[in-house]
C-alpha atoms as a PDB file:
ATOM      1  CA  MET A   1       5.392   0.547  45.031  1.00  0.00           C
ATOM      2  CA  ILE A   2       4.950  -3.093  42.575  1.00  0.00           C
ATOM      3  CA  ALA A   3       4.890  -0.030  39.501  1.00  0.00           C
ATOM      4  CA  LYS A   4       8.596   0.997  40.616  1.00  0.00           C
ATOM      5  CA  ILE A   5       9.668  -2.664  40.417  1.00  0.00           C
ATOM      6  CA  PHE A   6       8.119  -4.267  37.173  1.00  0.00           C
ATOM      7  CA  ILE A   7       9.405  -0.300  36.065  1.00  0.00           C
ATOM      8  CA  PHE A   8      12.932  -1.144  37.408  1.00  0.00           C
ATOM      9  CA  LEU A   9      12.845  -4.514  36.040  1.00  0.00           C
ATOM     10  CA  ASN A  10      11.863  -3.747  32.551  1.00  0.00           C
ATOM     11  CA  ASN A  11      14.627  -1.898  32.250  1.00  0.00           C
ATOM     12  CA  LEU A  12      17.160  -4.002  33.784  1.00  0.00           C
ATOM     13  CA  PHE A  13      16.262  -7.218  31.843  1.00  0.00           C
ATOM     14  CA  LEU A  14      13.914  -5.800  28.953  1.00  0.00           C
ATOM     15  CA  LYS A  15      15.296  -1.900  27.884  1.00  0.00           C
ATOM     16  CA  MET A  16      18.675  -2.783  28.814  1.00  0.00           C
ATOM     17  CA  THR A  17      19.415   0.604  30.174  1.00  0.00           C
ATOM     18  CA  TRP A  18      22.630  -0.350  31.582  1.00  0.00           C
ATOM     19  CA  LEU A  19      24.036  -1.101  27.935  1.00  0.00           C
ATOM     20  CA  GLU A  20      22.602   1.870  26.870  1.00  0.00           C
ATOM     21  CA  ASP A  21      24.701   3.967  29.339  1.00  0.00           C
ATOM     22  CA  GLY A  22      27.381   1.841  28.820  1.00  0.00           C
ATOM     23  CA  ILE A  23      27.546   2.652  25.026  1.00  0.00           C
ATOM     24  CA  ASN A  24      27.083   6.033  25.357  1.00  0.00           C
ATOM     25  CA  TRP A  25      29.702   6.401  27.730  1.00  0.00           C
ATOM     26  CA  ILE A  26      32.521   4.319  25.909  1.00  0.00           C
ATOM     27  CA  PHE A  27      31.317   6.172  22.496  1.00  0.00           C
ATOM     28  CA  ARG A  28      30.790   9.450  24.412  1.00  0.00           C
ATOM     29  CA  ASP A  29      33.525   9.843  27.049  1.00  0.00           C
ATOM     30  CA  LEU A  30      35.905   7.106  26.018  1.00  0.00           C
ATOM     31  CA  PHE A  31      35.909   7.435  21.684  1.00  0.00           C
ATOM     32  CA  LYS A  32      35.272  11.807  22.945  1.00  0.00           C
ATOM     33  CA  LEU A  33      32.732  11.477  19.632  1.00  0.00           C
ATOM     34  CA  ASN A  34      30.030  14.347  19.453  1.00  0.00           C
ATOM     35  CA  GLU A  35      26.637  13.890  20.920  1.00  0.00           C
ATOM     36  CA  VAL A  36      24.445  15.127  18.396  1.00  0.00           C
ATOM     37  CA  SER A  37      26.611  14.515  15.097  1.00  0.00           C
ATOM     38  CA  TRP A  38      25.076  11.630  13.034  1.00  0.00           C
ATOM     39  CA  ILE A  39      28.015   9.117  13.011  1.00  0.00           C
ATOM     40  CA  TYR A  40      27.853   8.872  17.287  1.00  0.00           C
ATOM     41  CA  LYS A  41      23.563   8.249  16.703  1.00  0.00           C
ATOM     42  CA  SER A  42      24.288   5.642  13.806  1.00  0.00           C
ATOM     43  CA  ILE A  43      27.255   4.027  16.177  1.00  0.00           C
ATOM     44  CA  THR A  44      25.084   3.873  19.217  1.00  0.00           C
ATOM     45  CA  PHE A  45      21.911   2.610  17.853  1.00  0.00           C
ATOM     46  CA  PHE A  46      23.595  -0.169  16.360  1.00  0.00           C
ATOM     47  CA  PHE A  47      26.471  -1.696  18.974  1.00  0.00           C
ATOM     48  CA  TYR A  48      23.190  -0.967  21.387  1.00  0.00           C
ATOM     49  CA  ASP A  49      20.856  -3.231  19.346  1.00  0.00           C
ATOM     50  CA  VAL A  50      22.623  -5.448  18.370  1.00  0.00           C
ATOM     51  CA  ILE A  51      23.915  -6.277  21.409  1.00  0.00           C
ATOM     52  CA  LYS A  52      20.220  -6.102  23.534  1.00  0.00           C
ATOM     53  CA  ILE A  53      18.631  -8.053  20.687  1.00  0.00           C
ATOM     54  CA  PHE A  54      20.971 -11.813  20.627  1.00  0.00           C
ATOM     55  CA  ILE A  55      21.602 -11.979  24.559  1.00  0.00           C
ATOM     56  CA  LEU A  56      17.365 -11.828  24.484  1.00  0.00           C
ATOM     57  CA  LEU A  57      16.655 -13.721  21.146  1.00  0.00           C
ATOM     58  CA  SER A  58      19.017 -16.110  23.238  1.00  0.00           C
ATOM     59  CA  VAL A  59      17.270 -16.492  26.126  1.00  0.00           C
ATOM     60  CA  LEU A  60      14.029 -15.999  24.851  1.00  0.00           C
ATOM     61  CA  ILE A  61      14.562 -17.791  21.913  1.00  0.00           C
ATOM     62  CA  TYR A  62      15.651 -20.964  24.642  1.00  0.00           C
ATOM     63  CA  LEU A  63      12.534 -20.888  26.549  1.00  0.00           C
ATOM     64  CA  ALA A  64      10.090 -20.805  23.959  1.00  0.00           C
ATOM     65  CA  SER A  65      12.379 -23.968  22.335  1.00  0.00           C
ATOM     66  CA  TYR A  66      11.785 -25.566  25.352  1.00  0.00           C
ATOM     67  CA  ILE A  67       7.699 -24.747  25.693  1.00  0.00           C
ATOM     68  CA  GLN A  68       7.681 -25.867  22.051  1.00  0.00           C
ATOM     69  CA  SER A  69       9.241 -29.046  22.599  1.00  0.00           C
ATOM     70  CA  TYR A  70       5.827 -30.162  24.204  1.00  0.00           C
ATOM     71  CA  PHE A  71       4.463 -29.322  20.915  1.00  0.00           C
ATOM     72  CA  THR A  72       5.428 -31.116  17.851  1.00  0.00           C
ATOM     73  CA  PRO A  73       4.318 -31.644  14.798  1.00  0.00           C
ATOM     74  CA  GLU A  74       2.211 -35.025  15.907  1.00  0.00           C
ATOM     75  CA  ARG A  75       0.738 -33.747  18.796  1.00  0.00           C
ATOM     76  CA  THR A  76       0.267 -29.887  17.012  1.00  0.00           C
ATOM     77  CA  SER A  77      -2.355 -31.795  15.001  1.00  0.00           C
ATOM     78  CA  LYS A  78      -4.017 -34.527  17.927  1.00  0.00           C
ATOM     79  CA  ILE A  79      -4.436 -31.273  19.243  1.00  0.00           C
ATOM     80  CA  LEU A  80      -6.272 -29.773  16.247  1.00  0.00           C
ATOM     81  CA  SER A  81      -7.941 -32.322  15.753  1.00  0.00           C
ATOM     82  CA  LYS A  82     -10.391 -32.570  18.773  1.00  0.00           C
ATOM     83  CA  TYR A  83     -11.824 -29.081  17.587  1.00  0.00           C
ATOM     84  CA  LYS A  84     -14.341 -27.477  15.550  1.00  0.00           C
ATOM     85  CA  GLY A  85     -15.294 -24.131  13.605  1.00  0.00           C
ATOM     86  CA  ILE A  86     -13.586 -21.403  14.779  1.00  0.00           C
ATOM     87  CA  TRP A  87     -11.948 -22.755  17.709  1.00  0.00           C
ATOM     88  CA  ALA A  88     -10.205 -24.886  15.800  1.00  0.00           C
ATOM     89  CA  ASN A  89      -8.567 -21.659  14.186  1.00  0.00           C
ATOM     90  CA  VAL A  90      -8.566 -20.120  17.622  1.00  0.00           C
ATOM     91  CA  ILE A  91      -6.385 -23.104  19.039  1.00  0.00           C
ATOM     92  CA  GLY A  92      -4.243 -23.012  15.578  1.00  0.00           C
ATOM     93  CA  ALA A  93      -3.104 -19.574  15.822  1.00  0.00           C
ATOM     94  CA  LEU A  94      -2.614 -19.624  19.711  1.00  0.00           C
ATOM     95  CA  LEU A  95      -0.555 -22.847  18.909  1.00  0.00           C
ATOM     96  CA  GLY A  96       1.611 -20.415  16.017  1.00  0.00           C
ATOM     97  CA  THR A  97       2.436 -18.284  19.303  1.00  0.00           C
ATOM     98  CA  VAL A  98       4.645 -21.613  20.283  1.00  0.00           C
ATOM     99  CA  THR A  99       6.653 -21.827  16.794  1.00  0.00           C
ATOM    100  CA  PRO A 100       9.631 -19.380  16.702  1.00  0.00           C
ATOM    101  CA  PHE A 101       9.335 -19.424  13.384  1.00  0.00           C
ATOM    102  CA  CYS A 102       9.583 -17.739  10.205  1.00  0.00           C
ATOM    103  CA  SER A 103       7.122 -17.609   7.210  1.00  0.00           C
ATOM    104  CA  CYS A 104       8.983 -19.617   5.422  1.00  0.00           C
ATOM    105  CA  SER A 105      10.247 -22.141   7.735  1.00  0.00           C
ATOM    106  CA  SER A 106       6.582 -22.679   8.901  1.00  0.00           C
ATOM    107  CA  ILE A 107       5.425 -23.554   5.719  1.00  0.00           C
ATOM    108  CA  PRO A 108       6.454 -27.272   6.432  1.00  0.00           C
ATOM    109  CA  ILE A 109       4.456 -28.015   8.966  1.00  0.00           C
ATOM    110  CA  PHE A 110       1.579 -26.416   7.180  1.00  0.00           C
ATOM    111  CA  ILE A 111       2.387 -28.932   4.501  1.00  0.00           C
ATOM    112  CA  GLY A 112       2.345 -31.638   7.702  1.00  0.00           C
ATOM    113  CA  PHE A 113      -0.496 -30.626   9.352  1.00  0.00           C
ATOM    114  CA  THR A 114      -2.244 -30.406   5.650  1.00  0.00           C
ATOM    115  CA  LYS A 115      -1.085 -34.273   5.020  1.00  0.00           C
ATOM    116  CA  ALA A 116      -2.695 -35.189   8.580  1.00  0.00           C
ATOM    117  CA  GLY A 117      -6.440 -33.760   7.760  1.00  0.00           C
ATOM    118  CA  LEU A 118      -6.420 -31.167   8.982  1.00  0.00           C
ATOM    119  CA  PRO A 119      -8.703 -28.408   7.964  1.00  0.00           C
ATOM    120  CA  VAL A 120      -6.769 -25.844   5.123  1.00  0.00           C
ATOM    121  CA  GLY A 121      -8.006 -22.774   6.619  1.00  0.00           C
ATOM    122  CA  VAL A 122      -7.220 -24.477  10.159  1.00  0.00           C
ATOM    123  CA  THR A 123      -3.831 -24.475   8.834  1.00  0.00           C
ATOM    124  CA  PHE A 124      -3.998 -21.236   7.435  1.00  0.00           C
ATOM    125  CA  SER A 125      -4.650 -19.703  10.587  1.00  0.00           C
ATOM    126  CA  PHE A 126      -1.377 -21.081  11.977  1.00  0.00           C
ATOM    127  CA  LEU A 127       0.375 -20.027   8.823  1.00  0.00           C
ATOM    128  CA  ILE A 128      -0.513 -16.574   9.546  1.00  0.00           C
ATOM    129  CA  SER A 129       0.077 -16.873  13.179  1.00  0.00           C
ATOM    130  CA  SER A 130       3.236 -18.681  13.316  1.00  0.00           C
ATOM    131  CA  PRO A 131       5.837 -15.967  12.096  1.00  0.00           C
ATOM    132  CA  LEU A 132       3.489 -12.980  13.326  1.00  0.00           C
ATOM    133  CA  VAL A 133       3.315 -13.401  16.638  1.00  0.00           C
ATOM    134  CA  ASP A 134       5.537 -15.453  18.889  1.00  0.00           C
ATOM    135  CA  LEU A 135       6.528 -15.597  22.854  1.00  0.00           C
ATOM    136  CA  ALA A 136      10.177 -14.064  21.876  1.00  0.00           C
ATOM    137  CA  SER A 137       8.854 -11.130  19.561  1.00  0.00           C
ATOM    138  CA  VAL A 138       6.980  -9.862  22.477  1.00  0.00           C
ATOM    139  CA  VAL A 139       8.850  -9.604  24.587  1.00  0.00           C
ATOM    140  CA  LEU A 140      11.227  -7.471  22.196  1.00  0.00           C
ATOM    141  CA  LEU A 141       8.910  -5.883  21.101  1.00  0.00           C
ATOM    142  CA  ALA A 142       8.050  -4.577  25.290  1.00  0.00           C
ATOM    143  CA  SER A 143      11.504  -3.705  25.244  1.00  0.00           C
ATOM    144  CA  ILE A 144      11.504  -1.771  22.206  1.00  0.00           C
ATOM    145  CA  PHE A 145       8.731   0.024  22.681  1.00  0.00           C
ATOM    146  CA  ASN A 146       6.036  -1.358  25.875  1.00  0.00           C
ATOM    147  CA  TRP A 147       3.775  -3.888  26.885  1.00  0.00           C
ATOM    148  CA  GLN A 148       0.600  -2.141  25.648  1.00  0.00           C
ATOM    149  CA  ILE A 149       1.960  -2.284  22.495  1.00  0.00           C
ATOM    150  CA  ALA A 150       3.499  -5.407  22.623  1.00  0.00           C
ATOM    151  CA  LEU A 151       0.057  -7.085  23.582  1.00  0.00           C
ATOM    152  CA  ALA A 152      -2.039  -5.335  21.380  1.00  0.00           C
ATOM    153  CA  TYR A 153       0.401  -6.032  18.286  1.00  0.00           C
ATOM    154  CA  VAL A 154      -0.599  -9.942  19.514  1.00  0.00           C
ATOM    155  CA  VAL A 155      -3.913  -9.581  19.326  1.00  0.00           C
ATOM    156  CA  VAL A 156      -4.331  -8.029  16.399  1.00  0.00           C
ATOM    157  CA  GLY A 157      -1.940 -10.840  14.829  1.00  0.00           C
ATOM    158  CA  LEU A 158      -3.839 -13.584  16.294  1.00  0.00           C
ATOM    159  CA  LEU A 159      -7.516 -11.867  15.307  1.00  0.00           C
ATOM    160  CA  ILE A 160      -6.253 -11.608  11.398  1.00  0.00           C
ATOM    161  CA  ALA A 161      -4.956 -15.374  11.773  1.00  0.00           C
ATOM    162  CA  ILE A 162      -8.234 -16.197  13.222  1.00  0.00           C
ATOM    163  CA  ILE A 163     -10.360 -14.495  10.475  1.00  0.00           C
ATOM    164  CA  GLY A 164      -7.839 -15.394   7.993  1.00  0.00           C
ATOM    165  CA  GLY A 165      -8.314 -18.548   8.554  1.00  0.00           C
ATOM    166  CA  THR A 166     -11.999 -18.823   9.192  1.00  0.00           C
ATOM    167  CA  VAL A 167     -12.757 -16.892   6.201  1.00  0.00           C
ATOM    168  CA  ILE A 168     -10.863 -19.972   4.332  1.00  0.00           C
ATOM    169  CA  SER A 169     -12.775 -22.679   5.924  1.00  0.00           C
ATOM    170  CA  VAL A 170     -16.056 -21.269   5.272  1.00  0.00           C
ATOM    171  CA  PHE A 171     -15.457 -20.796   1.624  1.00  0.00           C
ATOM    172  CA  LYS A 172     -14.601 -24.655   1.880  1.00  0.00           C
ATOM    173  CA  MET A 173     -11.176 -23.930  -0.010  1.00  0.00           C
ATOM    174  CA  ASP A 174      -9.559 -27.123   0.724  1.00  0.00           C
ATOM    175  CA  LYS A 175      -9.981 -27.978  -3.000  1.00  0.00           C
ATOM    176  CA  TYR A 176      -7.090 -25.238  -3.846  1.00  0.00           C
ATOM    177  CA  VAL A 177      -4.414 -27.288  -1.664  1.00  0.00           C
ATOM    178  CA  ALA A 178      -1.551 -28.526  -4.212  1.00  0.00           C
ATOM    179  CA  ASP A 179      -2.587 -32.461  -5.185  1.00  0.00           C
ATOM    180  CA  PHE A 180       0.769 -34.214  -3.164  1.00  0.00           C
ATOM    181  CA  ILE A 181      -0.077 -32.772   0.080  1.00  0.00           C
ATOM    182  CA  LYS A 182      -3.322 -34.680  -0.148  1.00  0.00           C
ATOM    183  CA  VAL A 183      -2.167 -37.814  -0.715  1.00  0.00           C
ATOM    184  CA  ASP A 184      -2.322 -38.563   3.176  1.00  0.00           C
ATOM    185  CA  ASN A 185      -5.400 -36.829   3.859  1.00  0.00           C
ATOM    186  CA  ASN A 186      -6.852 -39.694   5.056  1.00  0.00           C
ATOM    187  CA  LYS A 187      -4.707 -40.094   7.633  1.00  0.00           C
ATOM    188  CA  ILE A 188      -6.411 -40.279  11.078  1.00  0.00           C
ATOM    189  CA  ALA A 189      -4.456 -37.513  13.673  1.00  0.00           C
ATOM    190  CA  GLU A 190      -5.347 -39.224  16.145  1.00  0.00           C
ATOM    191  CA  ASN A 191      -3.237 -42.804  15.391  1.00  0.00           C
ATOM    192  CA  GLN A 192       0.057 -40.585  14.865  1.00  0.00           C
ATOM    193  CA  ASP A 193       2.581 -41.455  17.293  1.00  0.00           C
ATOM    194  CA  ILE A 194       3.788 -39.155  19.567  1.00  0.00           C
ATOM    195  CA  GLU A 195       7.332 -38.137  20.326  1.00  0.00           C
ATOM    196  CA  ILE A 196       8.126 -38.896  24.249  1.00  0.00           C
ATOM    197  CA  MET A 197      11.213 -36.349  25.146  1.00  0.00           C
ATOM    198  CA  THR A 198      12.854 -36.147  28.499  1.00  0.00           C
ATOM    199  CA  LYS A 199      14.197 -32.904  29.739  1.00  0.00           C
ATOM    200  CA  LYS A 200      17.208 -33.400  28.741  1.00  0.00           C
ATOM    201  CA  ASP A 201      16.486 -33.840  25.542  1.00  0.00           C
ATOM    202  CA  ARG A 202      13.900 -30.506  26.004  1.00  0.00           C
ATOM    203  CA  ARG A 203      17.242 -28.809  27.235  1.00  0.00           C
ATOM    204  CA  ILE A 204      19.508 -30.222  23.799  1.00  0.00           C
ATOM    205  CA  TYR A 205      16.504 -29.119  22.161  1.00  0.00           C
ATOM    206  CA  ALA A 206      16.266 -25.926  22.837  1.00  0.00           C
ATOM    207  CA  LYS A 207      20.291 -25.102  23.075  1.00  0.00           C
ATOM    208  CA  ASP A 208      20.024 -26.277  19.786  1.00  0.00           C
ATOM    209  CA  GLN A 209      17.094 -24.032  18.417  1.00  0.00           C
ATOM    210  CA  VAL A 210      18.746 -21.518  19.765  1.00  0.00           C
ATOM    211  CA  LYS A 211      22.093 -21.844  17.727  1.00  0.00           C
ATOM    212  CA  GLU A 212      20.095 -22.951  14.008  1.00  0.00           C
ATOM    213  CA  ILE A 213      18.225 -19.841  14.076  1.00  0.00           C
ATOM    214  CA  ILE A 214      20.891 -17.522  15.436  1.00  0.00           C
ATOM    215  CA  ARG A 215      22.203 -18.739  12.672  1.00  0.00           C
ATOM    216  CA  ARG A 216      19.350 -18.430  10.319  1.00  0.00           C
ATOM    217  CA  VAL A 217      18.518 -15.355  11.243  1.00  0.00           C
ATOM    218  CA  TRP A 218      22.002 -13.251  12.185  1.00  0.00           C
ATOM    219  CA  ILE A 219      22.701 -11.539   8.469  1.00  0.00           C
ATOM    220  CA  TYR A 220      18.930 -10.209   8.876  1.00  0.00           C
ATOM    221  CA  ILE A 221      19.512  -8.643  11.927  1.00  0.00           C
ATOM    222  CA  LEU A 222      22.513  -6.992  11.215  1.00  0.00           C
ATOM    223  CA  ILE A 223      21.215  -5.996   8.173  1.00  0.00           C
ATOM    224  CA  GLY A 224      17.952  -4.665  10.133  1.00  0.00           C
ATOM    225  CA  VAL A 225      20.026  -3.118  12.654  1.00  0.00           C
ATOM    226  CA  LEU A 226      22.538  -0.658  10.010  1.00  0.00           C
ATOM    227  CA  ILE A 227      19.051   0.143   8.384  1.00  0.00           C
ATOM    228  CA  GLY A 228      17.331   0.840  11.499  1.00  0.00           C
ATOM    229  CA  ALA A 229      21.017   2.975  12.567  1.00  0.00           C
ATOM    230  CA  ILE A 230      21.389   4.746   9.166  1.00  0.00           C
ATOM    231  CA  ILE A 231      17.519   5.883   9.208  1.00  0.00           C
ATOM    232  CA  HIS A 232      18.160   7.179  12.608  1.00  0.00           C
ATOM    233  CA  GLY A 233      21.828   8.805  12.408  1.00  0.00           C
ATOM    234  CA  VAL A 234      21.717   9.969   8.573  1.00  0.00           C
ATOM    235  CA  ILE A 235      17.964  10.374   7.232  1.00  0.00           C
ATOM    236  CA  PRO A 236      16.145  13.263   7.709  1.00  0.00           C
ATOM    237  CA  LYS A 237      13.347  13.271   9.756  1.00  0.00           C
ATOM    238  CA  ASP A 238      11.478  16.011   7.567  1.00  0.00           C
ATOM    239  CA  TRP A 239      12.155  13.432   4.719  1.00  0.00           C
ATOM    240  CA  ILE A 240      10.550  10.563   6.524  1.00  0.00           C
ATOM    241  CA  ALA A 241       7.658  12.710   8.082  1.00  0.00           C
ATOM    242  CA  THR A 242       6.840  13.244   4.652  1.00  0.00           C
ATOM    243  CA  VAL A 243       6.406   9.705   3.500  1.00  0.00           C
ATOM    244  CA  LEU A 244       5.293   7.765   6.809  1.00  0.00           C
ATOM    245  CA  GLY A 245       4.053  10.973   8.175  1.00  0.00           C
ATOM    246  CA  GLU A 246       0.748  10.926  10.237  1.00  0.00           C
ATOM    247  CA  ASN A 247      -0.135  13.991   7.501  1.00  0.00           C
ATOM    248  CA  ASN A 248      -0.257  11.392   4.308  1.00  0.00           C
ATOM    249  CA  PRO A 249      -2.966   9.510   4.258  1.00  0.00           C
ATOM    250  CA  PHE A 250      -1.347   6.978   2.354  1.00  0.00           C
ATOM    251  CA  SER A 251       1.559   5.595   5.218  1.00  0.00           C
ATOM    252  CA  VAL A 252      -0.064   3.044   5.803  1.00  0.00           C
ATOM    253  CA  LEU A 253      -0.226   1.326   2.441  1.00  0.00           C
ATOM    254  CA  ILE A 254       2.793   2.381   1.538  1.00  0.00           C
ATOM    255  CA  ALA A 255       4.967   0.723   4.175  1.00  0.00           C
ATOM    256  CA  THR A 256       2.481  -2.192   3.747  1.00  0.00           C
ATOM    257  CA  VAL A 257       4.259  -2.221  -0.489  1.00  0.00           C
ATOM    258  CA  VAL A 258       7.099  -1.567   0.798  1.00  0.00           C
ATOM    259  CA  GLY A 259       7.310  -3.989   3.733  1.00  0.00           C
ATOM    260  CA  ILE A 260       5.914  -6.923   1.803  1.00  0.00           C
ATOM    261  CA  PRO A 261       9.041  -7.229  -0.913  1.00  0.00           C
ATOM    262  CA  MET A 262      11.195  -7.840   1.484  1.00  0.00           C
ATOM    263  CA  TYR A 263      12.241 -10.492   3.743  1.00  0.00           C
ATOM    264  CA  ALA A 264      13.665 -11.016   7.550  1.00  0.00           C
ATOM    265  CA  ASP A 265      12.387 -11.928  10.619  1.00  0.00           C
ATOM    266  CA  ILE A 266      10.978 -10.077  12.969  1.00  0.00           C
ATOM    267  CA  PHE A 267      13.700  -9.848  15.172  1.00  0.00           C
ATOM    268  CA  GLY A 268      15.874  -8.233  12.177  1.00  0.00           C
ATOM    269  CA  THR A 269      12.903  -5.717  11.795  1.00  0.00           C
ATOM    270  CA  LEU A 270      12.557  -4.193  15.117  1.00  0.00           C
ATOM    271  CA  PRO A 271      15.442  -2.193  14.499  1.00  0.00           C
ATOM    272  CA  ILE A 272      14.312  -0.612  11.529  1.00  0.00           C
ATOM    273  CA  ALA A 273      10.208  -0.157  13.513  1.00  0.00           C
ATOM    274  CA  GLU A 274      12.206   1.483  16.431  1.00  0.00           C
ATOM    275  CA  ALA A 275      14.278   3.591  14.447  1.00  0.00           C
ATOM    276  CA  LEU A 276      10.934   4.976  12.947  1.00  0.00           C
ATOM    277  CA  VAL A 277       9.068   5.667  16.075  1.00  0.00           C
ATOM    278  CA  LEU A 278      12.349   7.143  16.710  1.00  0.00           C
ATOM    279  CA  LYS A 279      11.461  10.401  14.513  1.00  0.00           C
ATOM    280  CA  GLY A 280       8.621  10.174  14.908  1.00  0.00           C
ATOM    281  CA  VAL A 281       6.366   7.802  12.615  1.00  0.00           C
ATOM    282  CA  GLN A 282       2.840   6.482  14.127  1.00  0.00           C
ATOM    283  CA  ILE A 283       3.222   3.592  15.585  1.00  0.00           C
ATOM    284  CA  GLY A 284       0.536   2.095  13.141  1.00  0.00           C
ATOM    285  CA  THR A 285       2.114   2.908  10.410  1.00  0.00           C
ATOM    286  CA  VAL A 286       5.281   0.960  11.778  1.00  0.00           C
ATOM    287  CA  LEU A 287       3.861  -2.091  12.909  1.00  0.00           C
ATOM    288  CA  ALA A 288       2.006  -2.608   9.311  1.00  0.00           C
ATOM    289  CA  PHE A 289       5.597  -2.368   8.081  1.00  0.00           C
ATOM    290  CA  MET A 290       6.697  -4.975  10.877  1.00  0.00           C
ATOM    291  CA  MET A 291       3.864  -7.473   9.873  1.00  0.00           C
ATOM    292  CA  ALA A 292       4.190  -7.024   5.930  1.00  0.00           C
ATOM    293  CA  VAL A 293       7.297  -7.986   5.965  1.00  0.00           C
ATOM    294  CA  THR A 294       7.169 -10.932   8.688  1.00  0.00           C
ATOM    295  CA  ALA A 295       3.483 -12.704   7.354  1.00  0.00           C
ATOM    296  CA  LEU A 296       3.679 -11.480   3.959  1.00  0.00           C
ATOM    297  CA  SER A 297       6.980 -11.803   2.255  1.00  0.00           C
ATOM    298  CA  LEU A 298       7.685 -12.422  -1.201  1.00  0.00           C
ATOM    299  CA  PRO A 299       9.983 -15.197  -0.506  1.00  0.00           C
ATOM    300  CA  SER A 300       7.105 -16.899   1.395  1.00  0.00           C
ATOM    301  CA  ILE A 301       4.706 -16.215  -0.984  1.00  0.00           C
ATOM    302  CA  ILE A 302       6.451 -18.039  -3.586  1.00  0.00           C
ATOM    303  CA  MET A 303       6.925 -20.656  -1.721  1.00  0.00           C
ATOM    304  CA  ILE A 304       3.020 -21.092  -0.471  1.00  0.00           C
ATOM    305  CA  LYS A 305       2.658 -20.683  -4.358  1.00  0.00           C
ATOM    306  CA  LYS A 306       3.961 -24.229  -4.991  1.00  0.00           C
ATOM    307  CA  VAL A 307       1.614 -26.061  -2.525  1.00  0.00           C
ATOM    308  CA  VAL A 308      -1.739 -24.214  -2.903  1.00  0.00           C
ATOM    309  CA  LYS A 309      -3.469 -22.780  -5.820  1.00  0.00           C
ATOM    310  CA  MET A 310      -3.756 -19.670  -6.888  1.00  0.00           C
ATOM    311  CA  LYS A 311      -7.471 -18.647  -5.952  1.00  0.00           C
ATOM    312  CA  LEU A 312      -6.142 -19.664  -2.991  1.00  0.00           C
ATOM    313  CA  LEU A 313      -3.099 -17.746  -2.534  1.00  0.00           C
ATOM    314  CA  LEU A 314      -5.087 -14.874  -3.721  1.00  0.00           C
ATOM    315  CA  THR A 315      -7.459 -14.850  -0.523  1.00  0.00           C
ATOM    316  CA  PHE A 316      -4.812 -15.666   1.880  1.00  0.00           C
ATOM    317  CA  VAL A 317      -2.480 -12.487   1.048  1.00  0.00           C
ATOM    318  CA  GLY A 318      -5.708 -10.638   0.403  1.00  0.00           C
ATOM    319  CA  ILE A 319      -7.096 -11.395   3.830  1.00  0.00           C
ATOM    320  CA  VAL A 320      -3.459 -10.409   5.279  1.00  0.00           C
ATOM    321  CA  THR A 321      -2.805  -7.577   3.557  1.00  0.00           C
ATOM    322  CA  ALA A 322      -6.633  -6.366   4.062  1.00  0.00           C
ATOM    323  CA  GLY A 323      -5.962  -7.233   8.131  1.00  0.00           C
ATOM    324  CA  ILE A 324      -2.569  -5.110   8.275  1.00  0.00           C
ATOM    325  CA  ILE A 325      -3.899  -1.701   6.757  1.00  0.00           C
ATOM    326  CA  ILE A 326      -7.256  -1.732   8.908  1.00  0.00           C
ATOM    327  CA  MET A 327      -4.830  -2.329  11.906  1.00  0.00           C
ATOM    328  CA  GLY A 328      -2.519  -0.073  11.133  1.00  0.00           C
ATOM    329  CA  TYR A 329      -4.657   2.831  10.610  1.00  0.00           C
ATOM    330  CA  LEU A 330      -6.269   1.351  13.686  1.00  0.00           C
ATOM    331  CA  PHE A 331      -3.409   1.560  15.961  1.00  0.00           C
ATOM    332  CA  ASN A 332      -2.832   5.281  13.982  1.00  0.00           C
ATOM    333  CA  ALA A 333      -6.370   6.557  15.119  1.00  0.00           C
ATOM    334  CA  PHE A 334      -6.018   5.475  18.907  1.00  0.00           C
ATOM    335  CA  SER A 335      -2.300   6.054  19.331  1.00  0.00           C
ATOM    336  CA  TYR A 336      -2.862   7.622  22.476  1.00  0.00           C
ATOM    337  CA  LEU A 337      -3.649   4.656  23.948  1.00  0.00           C
ATOM    338  CA  PHE A 338       0.017   3.199  23.978  1.00  0.00           C
ATOM    339  CA  ILE A 339       1.864   6.338  25.429  1.00  0.00           C
END
């Protein structure tokens, strides 16, 4: 009984099967499009995903931002300063999940944490986790795939963030940050003022965040959905299977390399991921592509290069890339667990 209620609520609020049925009715019955035509497949995919993503994104960003209002950079810095060793990396990675930022937007927070005197390894755990894993992306993943995949994605993203930050800490790479970040290195995080917000302030902040993030990502969502619609309706399944299918042992590597030059939030990559899965691409290959786009996009690497030295940058890129590739192959090897 409980399982049936969960499935009903999941279909109603996350997968929005009612919306899919409505879109299909409009283009199949009202506009009389052929269900097997590429036009029908592409156009229904586009409208369904655009409407669903914007509805979910607005609600989820509001909730995530309301929660995040309790974790200002000052408060987060103070929390992180209380922990040492790997536990500091764990907390840094977890706090990254309540910040609905893309990789480029996380970098100013990373700079603030570093200038406040936090270890670079801890701030890198935050920097890796923030674009990879957030509350909104988890729910959107579950709406497109299932909860097993969404939760597994979260665990893997956090592990990459924790391991990456820990390695940077072990090798004592604090000296490889740009000099201008070290200016306030002696500032004690505990003495920073923590902004106190009322409930009304938090609601205003959450609404402003919805407007700001939607304004920033809407074009990437439309482009992502458009690419996904083309993949779903136009590109032959056999062609995709040849390049990214399970018979190609380099599919995860290809997906990772293709993803790095791109720049988009996870919200813009989800429609592409959905279309690839519908074409038969294995889940590990798809998730590797998503992680490469969100955590290792070329613009974010260029921005990070402005604040860290080459040795630290290469260490960061190497750790995250290796983590993504290993994750992709493991997901593919155990894909039967996520069906």
